[in-house]
Amino acid sequence: MQLRPLVVLAAALACGRQPAPKDTSPVPADSHVPPAPKDTSHVPPDTSPVPKDSPGRELPLRAGADVPSGPLVVTHAGVGSPPSDADGAERAAAAGADVLASGGNALDAAIAAAVVLEDDPRYNAGTGANIRLDGRTIQLDASLMTDDGRFAAVAAIERVRNPIRAARLVLDSPHVLLVGEGATRFAHKLGLPDEVPRSPQAEAKYAARMKRLREVVETPGTQEPDWRIYWNYPGEMPPDMVAWRYGGDTVGAVARTADHRFAATLSTGGTSVTLYGRVGDVPIYGAGLFAGPAGAVACTGQGEEIVRQVLARSVYQALAAGTRAREAVAQAAAAFDPRWDVGLIAVDRDGWGVAATQPMAHGHVP
């Protein structure tokens, strides 16, 4: 399938679903009240199939639980990430939970979880970020949002190991989004180390994608575009320039405090098969993540389609209308365009939910 031109990004924000009734519940003042004692009772995850009246395809992953009290953190390692890699997502959730247990707020917890995910080279974020078509470029996106409407993001940032920390710096600036070289200079100016987050795991993934896309492009009748036509990277094209569209995923976290404050974070290395400067759903307001008084949502999957659907905000509107997190994410995943894959996590006042159209490593505490 061909990726549509990037110029649809601006228009895509207007193409979301019809909103559910507006959430009119008051937003409590920001607080650092220590969380209530952790609920250690075991609540079995909901692994039942998608209800028969749910639209769209059946889901290989649908889980969730009722956790109406205490702090809560849920993480994902990207749609398509093998469940065998869930230990990293579980460690990330535990890191976020530790922040909440020590009296930290939801945003600090979600950032702590995202940093653990970015530092795991198995995942497409931070040190494991995908290498672009030219075999050299690594561009990262990250975003965060709190339940009082604060949002910040960086896009196409380079030479930063933890882009979620750069997004946090943007939150305290006069802006909500910084991109490209400006974002990189901003992060370095404010103290983030200048380092290229390249890893052997990312190099191995790049080599595999180059080999696979060469095979696809050379297949008669293929619908894969010849990316050489659109080459816009600095420098000459590698002799064997080809990579393939898959393997672009995202890591994310959602957090809830004991007094029901919410936040969400996302971080990604994007996809290898993309033009220089491409931006997906992660730094686009309402697309990759959303948070409000009713809960928090984080997505992963085909970025252009997530942007077109303004997916995270649509799921949040379902939470605000009274749909429980586990049902809201399952309904959204089942209804997603069947040509593409998607995964979602969410927390609300009553519990958490995870759903995906492919297996997806994830973690939660409790």
Protein backbone atom coordinates (compact mmCIF):
# COMPACT_ATOMS: atom_id res chain seq x y z
CA MET A 1 0.00 0.00 0.00
CA GLN A 2 1.30 3.47 -0.80
CA LEU A 3 1.70 6.06 1.96
CA ARG A 4 -0.30 9.13 1.07
CA PRO A 5 1.57 12.42 0.60
CA LEU A 6 2.62 14.12 3.78
CA VAL A 7 0.73 17.26 2.88
CA VAL A 8 -2.48 15.63 4.12
CA LEU A 9 -1.26 15.98 7.71
CA ALA A 10 -2.65 19.47 8.24
CA ALA A 11 -6.03 18.58 6.79
CA ALA A 12 -6.20 15.27 8.60
CA LEU A 13 -6.92 16.90 11.94
CA ALA A 14 -10.30 17.97 10.63
CA CYS A 15 -11.21 14.46 9.56
CA GLY A 16 -11.81 12.88 12.93
CA ARG A 17 -14.92 11.05 14.03
CA GLN A 18 -18.00 12.87 15.31
CA PRO A 19 -17.36 13.72 18.95
CA ALA A 20 -19.15 12.04 21.80
CA PRO A 21 -20.87 14.27 24.40
CA LYS A 22 -18.45 16.76 25.88
CA ASP A 23 -16.85 15.91 29.21
CA THR A 24 -18.05 18.67 31.54
CA SER A 25 -16.66 17.29 34.78
CA PRO A 26 -14.49 19.80 36.66
CA VAL A 27 -10.72 19.51 36.43
CA PRO A 28 -9.24 19.35 39.94
CA ALA A 29 -6.24 21.53 40.72
CA ASP A 30 -2.82 19.98 40.20
CA SER A 31 -1.84 18.06 43.28
CA HIS A 32 1.00 16.07 44.73
CA VAL A 33 -1.09 14.29 47.36
CA PRO A 34 0.52 10.92 48.14
CA PRO A 35 -1.38 8.02 46.56
CA ALA A 36 -3.66 5.75 48.52
CA PRO A 37 -2.29 2.35 49.59
CA LYS A 38 -1.69 0.09 46.63
CA ASP A 39 -4.50 -2.34 45.86
CA THR A 40 -2.74 -5.69 45.87
CA SER A 41 -5.82 -7.81 45.21
CA HIS A 42 -5.53 -9.83 42.03
CA VAL A 43 -7.98 -8.80 39.32
CA PRO A 44 -7.83 -11.20 36.36
CA PRO A 45 -7.46 -9.48 33.00
CA ASP A 46 -10.41 -9.38 30.64
CA THR A 47 -9.35 -11.63 27.75
CA SER A 48 -12.83 -12.26 26.36
CA PRO A 49 -13.32 -11.86 22.59
CA VAL A 50 -14.66 -8.66 21.10
CA PRO A 51 -18.44 -8.54 21.68
CA LYS A 52 -20.49 -9.76 18.73
CA ASP A 53 -21.97 -6.32 18.22
CA SER A 54 -18.56 -4.65 17.98
CA PRO A 55 -17.73 -3.41 14.46
CA GLY A 56 -14.81 -4.66 12.41
CA ARG A 57 -12.32 -7.47 12.89
CA GLU A 58 -11.66 -9.75 15.83
CA LEU A 59 -8.66 -8.83 17.93
CA PRO A 60 -5.75 -11.07 18.97
CA LEU A 61 -5.18 -8.83 22.00
CA ARG A 62 -7.94 -7.51 24.21
CA ALA A 63 -7.29 -7.16 27.92
CA GLY A 64 -8.21 -5.01 30.88
CA ALA A 65 -9.35 -4.99 34.48
CA ASP A 66 -11.39 -3.03 36.97
CA VAL A 67 -9.10 -1.06 39.28
CA PRO A 68 -11.32 1.69 40.71
CA SER A 69 -8.92 2.82 43.43
CA GLY A 70 -5.21 3.47 43.84
CA PRO A 71 -2.55 4.47 41.32
CA LEU A 72 -2.35 2.77 37.93
CA VAL A 73 0.21 2.66 35.08
CA VAL A 74 -0.12 0.88 31.72
CA THR A 75 2.55 0.71 29.00
CA HIS A 76 2.95 -0.66 25.48
CA ALA A 77 6.00 -1.47 23.34
CA GLY A 78 4.34 -0.92 19.98
CA VAL A 79 1.83 -2.90 17.95
CA GLY A 80 3.52 -6.01 16.58
CA SER A 81 6.12 -6.15 19.35
CA PRO A 82 6.42 -9.78 20.47
CA PRO A 83 4.83 -10.68 23.82
CA SER A 84 8.18 -12.30 24.70
CA ASP A 85 9.55 -8.73 24.98
CA ALA A 86 6.92 -7.72 27.52
CA ASP A 87 9.46 -7.73 30.36
CA GLY A 88 10.67 -4.31 29.24
CA ALA A 89 7.13 -2.92 29.17
CA GLU A 90 6.53 -4.37 32.61
CA ARG A 91 9.69 -2.72 33.95
CA ALA A 92 8.52 0.56 32.48
CA ALA A 93 5.15 0.26 34.21
CA ALA A 94 6.91 -0.53 37.47
CA ALA A 95 9.11 2.56 37.10
CA GLY A 96 6.04 4.71 36.66
CA ALA A 97 4.35 3.07 39.62
CA ASP A 98 7.39 3.79 41.78
CA VAL A 99 7.05 7.49 40.98
CA LEU A 100 3.40 7.45 42.02
CA ALA A 101 4.18 5.50 45.19
CA SER A 102 6.66 8.19 46.21
CA GLY A 103 4.06 10.94 45.77
CA GLY A 104 4.89 11.96 42.20
CA ASN A 105 2.25 13.16 39.76
CA ALA A 106 0.81 11.34 36.75
CA LEU A 107 3.00 13.15 34.22
CA ASP A 108 6.22 12.33 36.05
CA ALA A 109 5.12 8.69 36.23
CA ALA A 110 4.31 8.50 32.52
CA ILE A 111 7.65 10.13 31.63
CA ALA A 112 9.57 7.71 33.86
CA ALA A 113 7.88 4.80 32.11
CA ALA A 114 8.64 6.25 28.66
CA VAL A 115 12.33 6.71 29.51
CA VAL A 116 12.63 3.00 30.40
CA LEU A 117 11.03 2.10 27.07
CA GLU A 118 13.31 4.51 25.16
CA ASP A 119 16.38 2.97 26.79
CA ASP A 120 15.42 -0.57 25.70
CA PRO A 121 17.03 -1.20 22.26
CA ARG A 122 14.42 -3.82 21.40
CA TYR A 123 11.81 -1.10 20.95
CA ASN A 124 11.49 1.53 18.25
CA ALA A 125 12.20 4.59 20.40
CA GLY A 126 15.34 6.21 21.75
CA THR A 127 18.22 3.74 21.55
CA GLY A 128 16.26 1.30 19.39
CA ALA A 129 14.93 3.88 16.95
CA ASN A 130 14.61 2.92 13.31
CA ILE A 131 17.34 4.02 10.90
CA ARG A 132 15.97 5.81 7.83
CA LEU A 133 16.37 4.95 4.17
CA ASP A 134 19.80 6.54 3.83
CA GLY A 135 21.28 4.23 6.46
CA ARG A 136 22.36 7.18 8.65
CA THR A 137 19.43 9.37 9.65
CA ILE A 138 17.61 8.76 12.94
CA GLN A 139 14.72 11.15 13.63
CA LEU A 140 12.60 10.89 16.75
CA ASP A 141 9.18 12.11 17.83
CA ALA A 142 7.76 12.31 21.35
CA SER A 143 4.78 13.88 23.07
CA LEU A 144 3.00 14.17 26.40
CA MET A 145 -0.32 15.40 27.70
CA THR A 146 -1.89 15.97 31.10
CA ASP A 147 -5.53 15.92 32.16
CA ASP A 148 -5.65 19.71 32.51
CA GLY A 149 -5.04 20.11 28.78
CA ARG A 150 -1.29 20.77 28.75
CA PHE A 151 0.39 19.28 25.66
CA ALA A 152 3.96 19.36 24.36
CA ALA A 153 5.87 17.54 21.64
CA VAL A 154 9.03 17.32 19.55
CA ALA A 155 9.17 16.02 15.99
CA ALA A 156 12.02 14.92 13.72
CA ILE A 157 14.49 15.65 16.52
CA GLU A 158 17.99 14.17 16.19
CA ARG A 159 20.97 13.46 18.45
CA VAL A 160 18.89 13.03 21.61
CA ARG A 161 18.67 9.72 23.43
CA ASN A 162 15.42 10.43 25.30
CA PRO A 163 13.10 12.61 23.21
CA ILE A 164 10.39 12.40 25.88
CA ARG A 165 12.68 14.52 28.09
CA ALA A 166 12.90 17.06 25.27
CA ALA A 167 9.09 17.15 25.07
CA ARG A 168 9.01 17.80 28.82
CA LEU A 169 11.31 20.78 28.30
CA VAL A 170 8.98 22.12 25.61
CA LEU A 171 6.12 21.97 28.12
CA ASP A 172 7.82 24.73 30.13
CA SER A 173 8.56 26.85 27.04
CA PRO A 174 6.24 29.32 25.26
CA HIS A 175 5.49 26.68 22.58
CA VAL A 176 3.74 23.32 22.30
CA LEU A 177 5.73 21.77 19.40
CA LEU A 178 9.32 22.10 18.19
CA VAL A 179 10.64 20.29 15.12
CA GLY A 180 13.84 19.32 13.36
CA GLU A 181 17.09 21.15 13.96
CA GLY A 182 15.34 23.75 16.11
CA ALA A 183 14.13 21.03 18.47
CA THR A 184 17.61 19.49 18.57
CA ARG A 185 19.32 22.79 19.39
CA PHE A 186 16.68 23.56 22.03
CA ALA A 187 17.22 20.21 23.76
CA HIS A 188 21.01 20.57 23.77
CA LYS A 189 20.80 24.19 24.95
CA LEU A 190 18.74 23.09 27.94
CA GLY A 191 21.14 20.35 28.92
CA LEU A 192 20.23 17.12 27.15
CA PRO A 193 23.39 15.31 25.93
CA ASP A 194 24.31 15.43 22.24
CA GLU A 195 24.36 11.75 21.30
CA VAL A 196 23.17 9.63 18.40
CA PRO A 197 20.87 6.88 19.73
CA ARG A 198 22.13 4.15 17.41
CA SER A 199 22.21 0.50 18.45
CA PRO A 200 23.22 -2.88 16.95
CA GLN A 201 19.57 -3.93 17.15
CA ALA A 202 18.48 -0.98 15.01
CA GLU A 203 21.25 -1.66 12.50
CA ALA A 204 20.14 -5.28 12.19
CA LYS A 205 16.51 -4.24 11.64
CA TYR A 206 17.60 -1.75 8.97
CA ALA A 207 19.58 -4.40 7.08
CA ALA A 208 16.62 -6.79 7.16
CA ARG A 209 14.24 -4.14 5.85
CA MET A 210 16.59 -3.17 3.03
CA LYS A 211 16.73 -6.79 1.92
CA ARG A 212 13.00 -7.31 2.19
CA LEU A 213 11.97 -4.15 0.35
CA ARG A 214 14.38 -4.88 -2.47
CA GLU A 215 12.55 -8.17 -2.95
CA VAL A 216 9.14 -6.45 -2.81
CA VAL A 217 10.02 -3.61 -5.20
CA GLU A 218 11.42 -6.06 -7.75
CA THR A 219 8.27 -8.21 -7.70
CA PRO A 220 6.17 -7.73 -10.87
CA GLY A 221 2.90 -5.96 -10.15
CA THR A 222 3.99 -4.69 -6.75
CA GLN A 223 2.10 -1.74 -5.22
CA GLU A 224 5.13 -0.64 -3.21
CA PRO A 225 6.33 2.78 -4.39
CA ASP A 226 9.82 3.14 -5.77
CA TRP A 227 11.19 5.35 -3.00
CA ARG A 228 14.17 6.36 -5.14
CA ILE A 229 11.83 8.64 -7.10
CA TYR A 230 11.12 10.71 -3.97
CA TRP A 231 14.63 10.73 -2.49
CA ASN A 232 15.04 13.91 -0.38
CA TYR A 233 17.74 12.96 2.14
CA PRO A 234 20.98 14.92 2.51
CA GLY A 235 23.75 13.06 0.73
CA GLU A 236 23.82 10.48 -2.01
CA MET A 237 21.47 7.52 -2.17
CA PRO A 238 23.03 4.22 -0.96
CA PRO A 239 23.65 1.81 -3.85
CA ASP A 240 21.20 -0.73 -2.44
CA MET A 241 18.67 1.85 -1.25
CA VAL A 242 15.48 0.09 -0.35
CA ALA A 243 13.68 -0.42 2.95
CA TRP A 244 10.18 -1.52 3.68
CA ARG A 245 7.16 0.06 5.26
CA TYR A 246 6.70 -2.15 8.27
CA GLY A 247 8.40 -2.08 11.62
CA GLY A 248 7.40 1.50 12.41
CA ASP A 249 5.96 1.38 15.89
CA THR A 250 5.78 3.48 19.03
CA VAL A 251 6.13 3.07 22.78
CA GLY A 252 3.71 4.66 25.19
CA ALA A 253 2.50 4.98 28.75
CA VAL A 254 -0.64 6.16 30.53
CA ALA A 255 -0.80 6.87 34.25
CA ARG A 256 -3.42 7.55 36.91
CA THR A 257 -2.82 8.82 40.43
CA ALA A 258 -4.77 7.65 43.47
CA ASP A 259 -6.83 10.85 43.30
CA HIS A 260 -7.66 10.25 39.63
CA ARG A 261 -5.31 12.60 37.83
CA PHE A 262 -4.17 11.40 34.38
CA ALA A 263 -1.31 11.76 31.89
CA ALA A 264 0.00 10.07 28.75
CA THR A 265 3.34 9.89 26.95
CA LEU A 266 4.52 8.59 23.55
CA SER A 267 7.92 8.16 21.90
CA THR A 268 8.94 6.74 18.53
CA GLY A 269 11.74 6.36 16.04
CA GLY A 270 9.20 6.42 13.21
CA THR A 271 9.45 4.07 10.26
CA SER A 272 12.46 3.27 8.09
CA VAL A 273 10.58 3.62 4.83
CA THR A 274 9.73 7.29 4.86
CA LEU A 275 10.89 10.55 3.33
CA TYR A 276 13.25 12.81 5.21
CA GLY A 277 11.29 14.95 7.66
CA ARG A 278 8.18 12.77 7.76
CA VAL A 279 6.08 13.20 10.90
CA GLY A 280 3.54 10.64 12.07
CA ASP A 281 0.83 10.68 14.71
CA VAL A 282 2.95 10.95 17.86
CA PRO A 283 3.46 14.76 18.00
CA ILE A 284 0.05 15.63 16.51
CA TYR A 285 -2.44 16.88 19.11
CA GLY A 286 -5.30 14.44 19.61
CA ALA A 287 -3.91 11.81 17.24
CA GLY A 288 -1.40 9.61 19.06
CA LEU A 289 -2.36 10.45 22.63
CA PHE A 290 -4.90 12.34 24.68
CA ALA A 291 -5.64 12.95 28.36
CA GLY A 292 -8.41 14.66 30.27
CA PRO A 293 -10.44 14.37 33.47
CA ALA A 294 -12.01 11.12 32.23
CA GLY A 295 -8.74 9.26 31.55
CA ALA A 296 -5.74 8.94 29.24
CA VAL A 297 -5.14 7.17 25.91
CA ALA A 298 -2.00 6.26 23.94
CA CYS A 299 -1.89 4.71 20.45
CA THR A 300 0.57 2.86 18.22
CA GLY A 301 0.31 1.81 14.60
CA GLN A 302 -0.01 3.29 11.11
CA GLY A 303 0.62 6.96 11.81
CA GLU A 304 -1.08 8.51 8.80
CA GLU A 305 -4.33 6.65 9.50
CA ILE A 306 -4.18 7.47 13.22
CA VAL A 307 -3.85 11.15 12.28
CA ARG A 308 -6.75 10.96 9.85
CA GLN A 309 -8.98 9.51 12.57
CA VAL A 310 -7.69 11.77 15.37
CA LEU A 311 -7.79 8.43 17.11
CA ALA A 312 -6.69 9.11 20.68
CA ARG A 313 -9.09 12.01 21.11
CA SER A 314 -11.92 9.92 19.64
CA VAL A 315 -11.25 7.16 22.17
CA TYR A 316 -11.02 9.72 24.97
CA GLN A 317 -14.42 11.09 23.98
CA ALA A 318 -15.80 7.58 24.41
CA LEU A 319 -14.32 7.49 27.93
CA ALA A 320 -15.86 10.86 28.71
CA ALA A 321 -19.23 9.57 27.53
CA GLY A 322 -19.06 6.67 29.98
CA THR A 323 -17.52 3.81 27.97
CA ARG A 324 -15.02 1.87 30.07
CA ALA A 325 -11.40 1.86 28.98
CA ARG A 326 -11.29 -1.81 28.02
CA GLU A 327 -14.35 -1.42 25.80
CA ALA A 328 -13.30 1.89 24.28
CA VAL A 329 -9.91 0.63 23.09
CA ALA A 330 -11.36 -2.64 21.80
CA GLN A 331 -14.05 -0.86 19.80
CA ALA A 332 -11.50 1.53 18.29
CA ALA A 333 -9.07 -1.24 17.35
CA ALA A 334 -11.80 -3.41 15.82
CA ALA A 335 -13.09 -0.50 13.73
CA PHE A 336 -9.66 0.62 12.49
CA ASP A 337 -9.03 0.48 8.75
CA PRO A 338 -8.31 -3.24 8.12
CA ARG A 339 -5.45 -2.40 5.74
CA TRP A 340 -3.42 -1.24 8.74
CA ASP A 341 -2.60 -2.31 12.28
CA VAL A 342 -3.18 -0.40 15.49
CA GLY A 343 -2.76 -0.83 19.22
CA LEU A 344 -4.17 1.23 22.10
CA ILE A 345 -3.86 1.50 25.86
CA ALA A 346 -6.07 3.53 28.17
CA VAL A 347 -6.80 4.18 31.83
CA ASP A 348 -9.92 5.73 33.31
CA ARG A 349 -11.48 6.18 36.73
CA ASP A 350 -12.53 2.53 36.85
CA GLY A 351 -9.57 0.61 35.43
CA TRP A 352 -7.50 -0.02 32.31
CA GLY A 353 -7.71 -1.52 28.84
CA VAL A 354 -5.38 -2.75 26.08
CA ALA A 355 -6.33 -3.79 22.55
CA ALA A 356 -4.43 -4.39 19.31
CA THR A 357 -4.85 -5.90 15.87
CA GLN A 358 -1.53 -7.71 16.25
CA PRO A 359 0.26 -9.11 19.32
CA MET A 360 1.71 -6.29 21.40
CA ALA A 361 4.04 -6.36 24.39
CA HIS A 362 2.52 -4.39 27.25
CA GLY A 363 2.71 -4.01 31.00
CA HIS A 364 0.60 -2.71 33.85
CA VAL A 365 0.83 -2.04 37.61
CA PRO A 366 -1.21 -3.22 39.39
